[in-house]
Amino acid sequence: SCKTTTEEQRTTSWMPFKSLSDGLNVETDLTIEGLPRPKRVFFILNKK
């Protein structure tokens, strides 16, 4: 896993609502609630 960046989760013309940067504390690596910032994880599943 790796940390989700503000480039991945940003405000756009299609999604003008709050973005990741609105929920991060700029002084720490935590959310404004004090939780760890979101992580991005990829799963590859194979049907047997």
PDB file of N, CA and C in Angstrom:
ATOM      1  N   SER A   1       0.840  -1.185   0.000  1.00  0.00           N
ATOM      2  CA  SER A   1       0.000   0.000   0.000  1.00  0.00           C
ATOM      3  C   SER A   1       0.882   1.245   0.000  1.00  0.00           C
ATOM      4  N   CYS A   2       0.315   2.333  -0.422  1.00  0.00           N
ATOM      5  CA  CYS A   2       1.024   3.616  -0.381  1.00  0.00           C
ATOM      6  C   CYS A   2       0.005   4.714  -0.103  1.00  0.00           C
ATOM      7  N   LYS A   3       0.493   5.829   0.379  1.00  0.00           N
ATOM      8  CA  LYS A   3      -0.387   6.935   0.746  1.00  0.00           C
ATOM      9  C   LYS A   3      -1.053   7.531  -0.490  1.00  0.00           C
ATOM     10  N   THR A   4      -2.340   7.807  -0.379  1.00  0.00           N
ATOM     11  CA  THR A   4      -3.063   8.495  -1.438  1.00  0.00           C
ATOM     12  C   THR A   4      -2.606   9.946  -1.459  1.00  0.00           C
ATOM     13  N   THR A   5      -2.340  10.467  -2.645  1.00  0.00           N
ATOM     14  CA  THR A   5      -1.849  11.839  -2.760  1.00  0.00           C
ATOM     15  C   THR A   5      -2.983  12.797  -3.086  1.00  0.00           C
ATOM     16  N   THR A   6      -2.729  14.069  -2.877  1.00  0.00           N
ATOM     17  CA  THR A   6      -3.730  15.089  -3.201  1.00  0.00           C
ATOM     18  C   THR A   6      -3.866  15.263  -4.708  1.00  0.00           C
ATOM     19  N   GLU A   7      -2.910  14.780  -5.492  1.00  0.00           N
ATOM     20  CA  GLU A   7      -3.044  14.809  -6.952  1.00  0.00           C
ATOM     21  C   GLU A   7      -4.068  13.778  -7.420  1.00  0.00           C
ATOM     22  N   GLU A   8      -4.164  12.660  -6.702  1.00  0.00           N
ATOM     23  CA  GLU A   8      -5.127  11.613  -7.054  1.00  0.00           C
ATOM     24  C   GLU A   8      -6.540  11.983  -6.622  1.00  0.00           C
ATOM     25  N   GLN A   9      -6.661  12.622  -5.484  1.00  0.00           N
ATOM     26  CA  GLN A   9      -7.954  12.968  -4.902  1.00  0.00           C
ATOM     27  C   GLN A   9      -8.068  14.482  -4.816  1.00  0.00           C
ATOM     28  N   ARG A  10      -8.407  15.101  -5.924  1.00  0.00           N
ATOM     29  CA  ARG A  10      -8.460  16.563  -5.966  1.00  0.00           C
ATOM     30  C   ARG A  10      -9.814  17.017  -6.519  1.00  0.00           C
ATOM     31  N   THR A  11     -10.114  18.257  -6.317  1.00  0.00           N
ATOM     32  CA  THR A  11     -11.323  18.853  -6.868  1.00  0.00           C
ATOM     33  C   THR A  11     -11.142  19.054  -8.367  1.00  0.00           C
ATOM     34  N   THR A  12     -12.159  18.705  -9.145  1.00  0.00           N
ATOM     35  CA  THR A  12     -12.135  18.912 -10.597  1.00  0.00           C
ATOM     36  C   THR A  12     -13.471  19.510 -11.019  1.00  0.00           C
ATOM     37  N   SER A  13     -13.598  19.838 -12.288  1.00  0.00           N
ATOM     38  CA  SER A  13     -14.875  20.372 -12.779  1.00  0.00           C
ATOM     39  C   SER A  13     -15.971  19.309 -12.702  1.00  0.00           C
ATOM     40  N   TRP A  14     -15.610  18.034 -12.770  1.00  0.00           N
ATOM     41  CA  TRP A  14     -16.594  16.950 -12.662  1.00  0.00           C
ATOM     42  C   TRP A  14     -16.928  16.632 -11.212  1.00  0.00           C
ATOM     43  N   MET A  15     -16.015  16.942 -10.303  1.00  0.00           N
ATOM     44  CA  MET A  15     -16.210  16.646  -8.884  1.00  0.00           C
ATOM     45  C   MET A  15     -15.801  17.886  -8.088  1.00  0.00           C
ATOM     46  N   PRO A  16     -16.678  18.889  -8.020  1.00  0.00           N
ATOM     47  CA  PRO A  16     -16.324  20.165  -7.392  1.00  0.00           C
ATOM     48  C   PRO A  16     -16.439  20.168  -5.864  1.00  0.00           C
ATOM     49  N   PHE A  17     -16.680  19.019  -5.259  1.00  0.00           N
ATOM     50  CA  PHE A  17     -16.884  18.960  -3.813  1.00  0.00           C
ATOM     51  C   PHE A  17     -15.547  18.929  -3.084  1.00  0.00           C
ATOM     52  N   LYS A  18     -15.584  18.754  -1.790  1.00  0.00           N
ATOM     53  CA  LYS A  18     -14.354  18.730  -0.989  1.00  0.00           C
ATOM     54  C   LYS A  18     -13.427  17.611  -1.450  1.00  0.00           C
ATOM     55  N   SER A  19     -12.130  17.880  -1.365  1.00  0.00           N
ATOM     56  CA  SER A  19     -11.140  16.906  -1.804  1.00  0.00           C
ATOM     57  C   SER A  19     -10.299  16.439  -0.624  1.00  0.00           C
ATOM     58  N   LEU A  20      -9.339  15.576  -0.890  1.00  0.00           N
ATOM     59  CA  LEU A  20      -8.475  15.044   0.159  1.00  0.00           C
ATOM     60  C   LEU A  20      -7.753  16.151   0.912  1.00  0.00           C
ATOM     61  N   SER A  21      -7.290  17.161   0.206  1.00  0.00           N
ATOM     62  CA  SER A  21      -6.544  18.238   0.870  1.00  0.00           C
ATOM     63  C   SER A  21      -7.397  18.979   1.901  1.00  0.00           C
ATOM     64  N   ASP A  22      -8.719  18.987   1.719  1.00  0.00           N
ATOM     65  CA  ASP A  22      -9.611  19.619   2.700  1.00  0.00           C
ATOM     66  C   ASP A  22      -9.670  18.831   4.008  1.00  0.00           C
ATOM     67  N   GLY A  23      -9.347  17.545   3.955  1.00  0.00           N
ATOM     68  CA  GLY A  23      -9.441  16.709   5.139  1.00  0.00           C
ATOM     69  C   GLY A  23      -8.116  16.389   5.798  1.00  0.00           C
ATOM     70  N   LEU A  24      -7.011  16.959   5.285  1.00  0.00           N
ATOM     71  CA  LEU A  24      -5.697  16.687   5.861  1.00  0.00           C
ATOM     72  C   LEU A  24      -5.211  17.846   6.705  1.00  0.00           C
ATOM     73  N   ASN A  25      -4.537  17.537   7.778  1.00  0.00           N
ATOM     74  CA  ASN A  25      -3.886  18.535   8.613  1.00  0.00           C
ATOM     75  C   ASN A  25      -2.551  18.857   7.949  1.00  0.00           C
ATOM     76  N   VAL A  26      -2.309  20.107   7.614  1.00  0.00           N
ATOM     77  CA  VAL A  26      -1.092  20.481   6.882  1.00  0.00           C
ATOM     78  C   VAL A  26       0.167  20.381   7.743  1.00  0.00           C
ATOM     79  N   GLU A  27       0.027  20.359   9.059  1.00  0.00           N
ATOM     80  CA  GLU A  27       1.191  20.302   9.946  1.00  0.00           C
ATOM     81  C   GLU A  27       1.607  18.876  10.291  1.00  0.00           C
ATOM     82  N   THR A  28       0.715  17.921  10.095  1.00  0.00           N
ATOM     83  CA  THR A  28       1.019  16.520  10.400  1.00  0.00           C
ATOM     84  C   THR A  28       0.680  15.671   9.190  1.00  0.00           C
ATOM     85  N   ASP A  29       0.934  14.384   9.286  1.00  0.00           N
ATOM     86  CA  ASP A  29       0.579  13.471   8.200  1.00  0.00           C
ATOM     87  C   ASP A  29      -0.717  12.748   8.544  1.00  0.00           C
ATOM     88  N   LEU A  30      -1.638  13.479   9.211  1.00  0.00           N
ATOM     89  CA  LEU A  30      -2.897  12.903   9.671  1.00  0.00           C
ATOM     90  C   LEU A  30      -4.077  13.647   9.059  1.00  0.00           C
ATOM     91  N   THR A  31      -5.263  13.051   9.175  1.00  0.00           N
ATOM     92  CA  THR A  31      -6.479  13.744   8.759  1.00  0.00           C
ATOM     93  C   THR A  31      -6.841  14.778   9.818  1.00  0.00           C
ATOM     94  N   ILE A  32      -7.817  15.621   9.525  1.00  0.00           N
ATOM     95  CA  ILE A  32      -8.230  16.629  10.502  1.00  0.00           C
ATOM     96  C   ILE A  32      -8.865  15.986  11.731  1.00  0.00           C
ATOM     97  N   GLU A  33      -9.278  14.705  11.611  1.00  0.00           N
ATOM     98  CA  GLU A  33      -9.811  13.972  12.762  1.00  0.00           C
ATOM     99  C   GLU A  33      -8.703  13.316  13.580  1.00  0.00           C
ATOM    100  N   GLY A  34      -7.451  13.399  13.108  1.00  0.00           N
ATOM    101  CA  GLY A  34      -6.336  12.790  13.819  1.00  0.00           C
ATOM    102  C   GLY A  34      -6.044  11.355  13.419  1.00  0.00           C
ATOM    103  N   LEU A  35      -6.663  10.893  12.349  1.00  0.00           N
ATOM    104  CA  LEU A  35      -6.454   9.525  11.872  1.00  0.00           C
ATOM    105  C   LEU A  35      -5.365   9.498  10.800  1.00  0.00           C
ATOM    106  N   PRO A  36      -4.756   8.331  10.548  1.00  0.00           N
ATOM    107  CA  PRO A  36      -3.766   8.246   9.469  1.00  0.00           C
ATOM    108  C   PRO A  36      -4.412   8.586   8.124  1.00  0.00           C
ATOM    109  N   ARG A  37      -3.648   9.208   7.242  1.00  0.00           N
ATOM    110  CA  ARG A  37      -4.198   9.562   5.929  1.00  0.00           C
ATOM    111  C   ARG A  37      -4.533   8.301   5.143  1.00  0.00           C
ATOM    112  N   PRO A  38      -5.463   8.373   4.179  1.00  0.00           N
ATOM    113  CA  PRO A  38      -5.870   7.194   3.414  1.00  0.00           C
ATOM    114  C   PRO A  38      -4.699   6.584   2.650  1.00  0.00           C
ATOM    115  N   LYS A  39      -4.779   5.268   2.478  1.00  0.00           N
ATOM    116  CA  LYS A  39      -3.789   4.546   1.684  1.00  0.00           C
ATOM    117  C   LYS A  39      -4.475   3.927   0.484  1.00  0.00           C
ATOM    118  N   ARG A  40      -3.712   3.747  -0.560  1.00  0.00           N
ATOM    119  CA  ARG A  40      -4.203   3.131  -1.791  1.00  0.00           C
ATOM    120  C   ARG A  40      -3.693   1.695  -1.802  1.00  0.00           C
ATOM    121  N   VAL A  41      -4.594   0.762  -2.054  1.00  0.00           N
ATOM    122  CA  VAL A  41      -4.233  -0.651  -2.078  1.00  0.00           C
ATOM    123  C   VAL A  41      -4.836  -1.272  -3.331  1.00  0.00           C
ATOM    124  N   PHE A  42      -4.070  -2.132  -3.983  1.00  0.00           N
ATOM    125  CA  PHE A  42      -4.557  -2.859  -5.152  1.00  0.00           C
ATOM    126  C   PHE A  42      -4.635  -4.337  -4.805  1.00  0.00           C
ATOM    127  N   PHE A  43      -5.712  -4.964  -5.197  1.00  0.00           N
ATOM    128  CA  PHE A  43      -5.881  -6.398  -4.998  1.00  0.00           C
ATOM    129  C   PHE A  43      -6.025  -7.050  -6.357  1.00  0.00           C
ATOM    130  N   ILE A  44      -5.342  -8.142  -6.556  1.00  0.00           N
ATOM    131  CA  ILE A  44      -5.498  -8.942  -7.772  1.00  0.00           C
ATOM    132  C   ILE A  44      -6.053 -10.286  -7.330  1.00  0.00           C
ATOM    133  N   LEU A  45      -7.233 -10.608  -7.806  1.00  0.00           N
ATOM    134  CA  LEU A  45      -7.901 -11.843  -7.417  1.00  0.00           C
ATOM    135  C   LEU A  45      -7.982 -12.776  -8.607  1.00  0.00           C
ATOM    136  N   ASN A  46      -7.833 -14.036  -8.342  1.00  0.00           N
ATOM    137  CA  ASN A  46      -7.968 -15.060  -9.375  1.00  0.00           C
ATOM    138  C   ASN A  46      -9.036 -16.050  -8.944  1.00  0.00           C
ATOM    139  N   LYS A  47      -9.951 -16.333  -9.837  1.00  0.00           N
ATOM    140  CA  LYS A  47     -10.995 -17.307  -9.547  1.00  0.00           C
ATOM    141  C   LYS A  47     -10.441 -18.698  -9.826  1.00  0.00           C
ATOM    142  N   LYS A  48     -10.622 -19.592  -8.873  1.00  0.00           N
ATOM    143  CA  LYS A  48     -10.124 -20.966  -9.049  1.00  0.00           C
ATOM    144  C   LYS A  48     -11.231 -21.888  -9.461  1.00  0.00           C
TER     145      LYS A  48
END
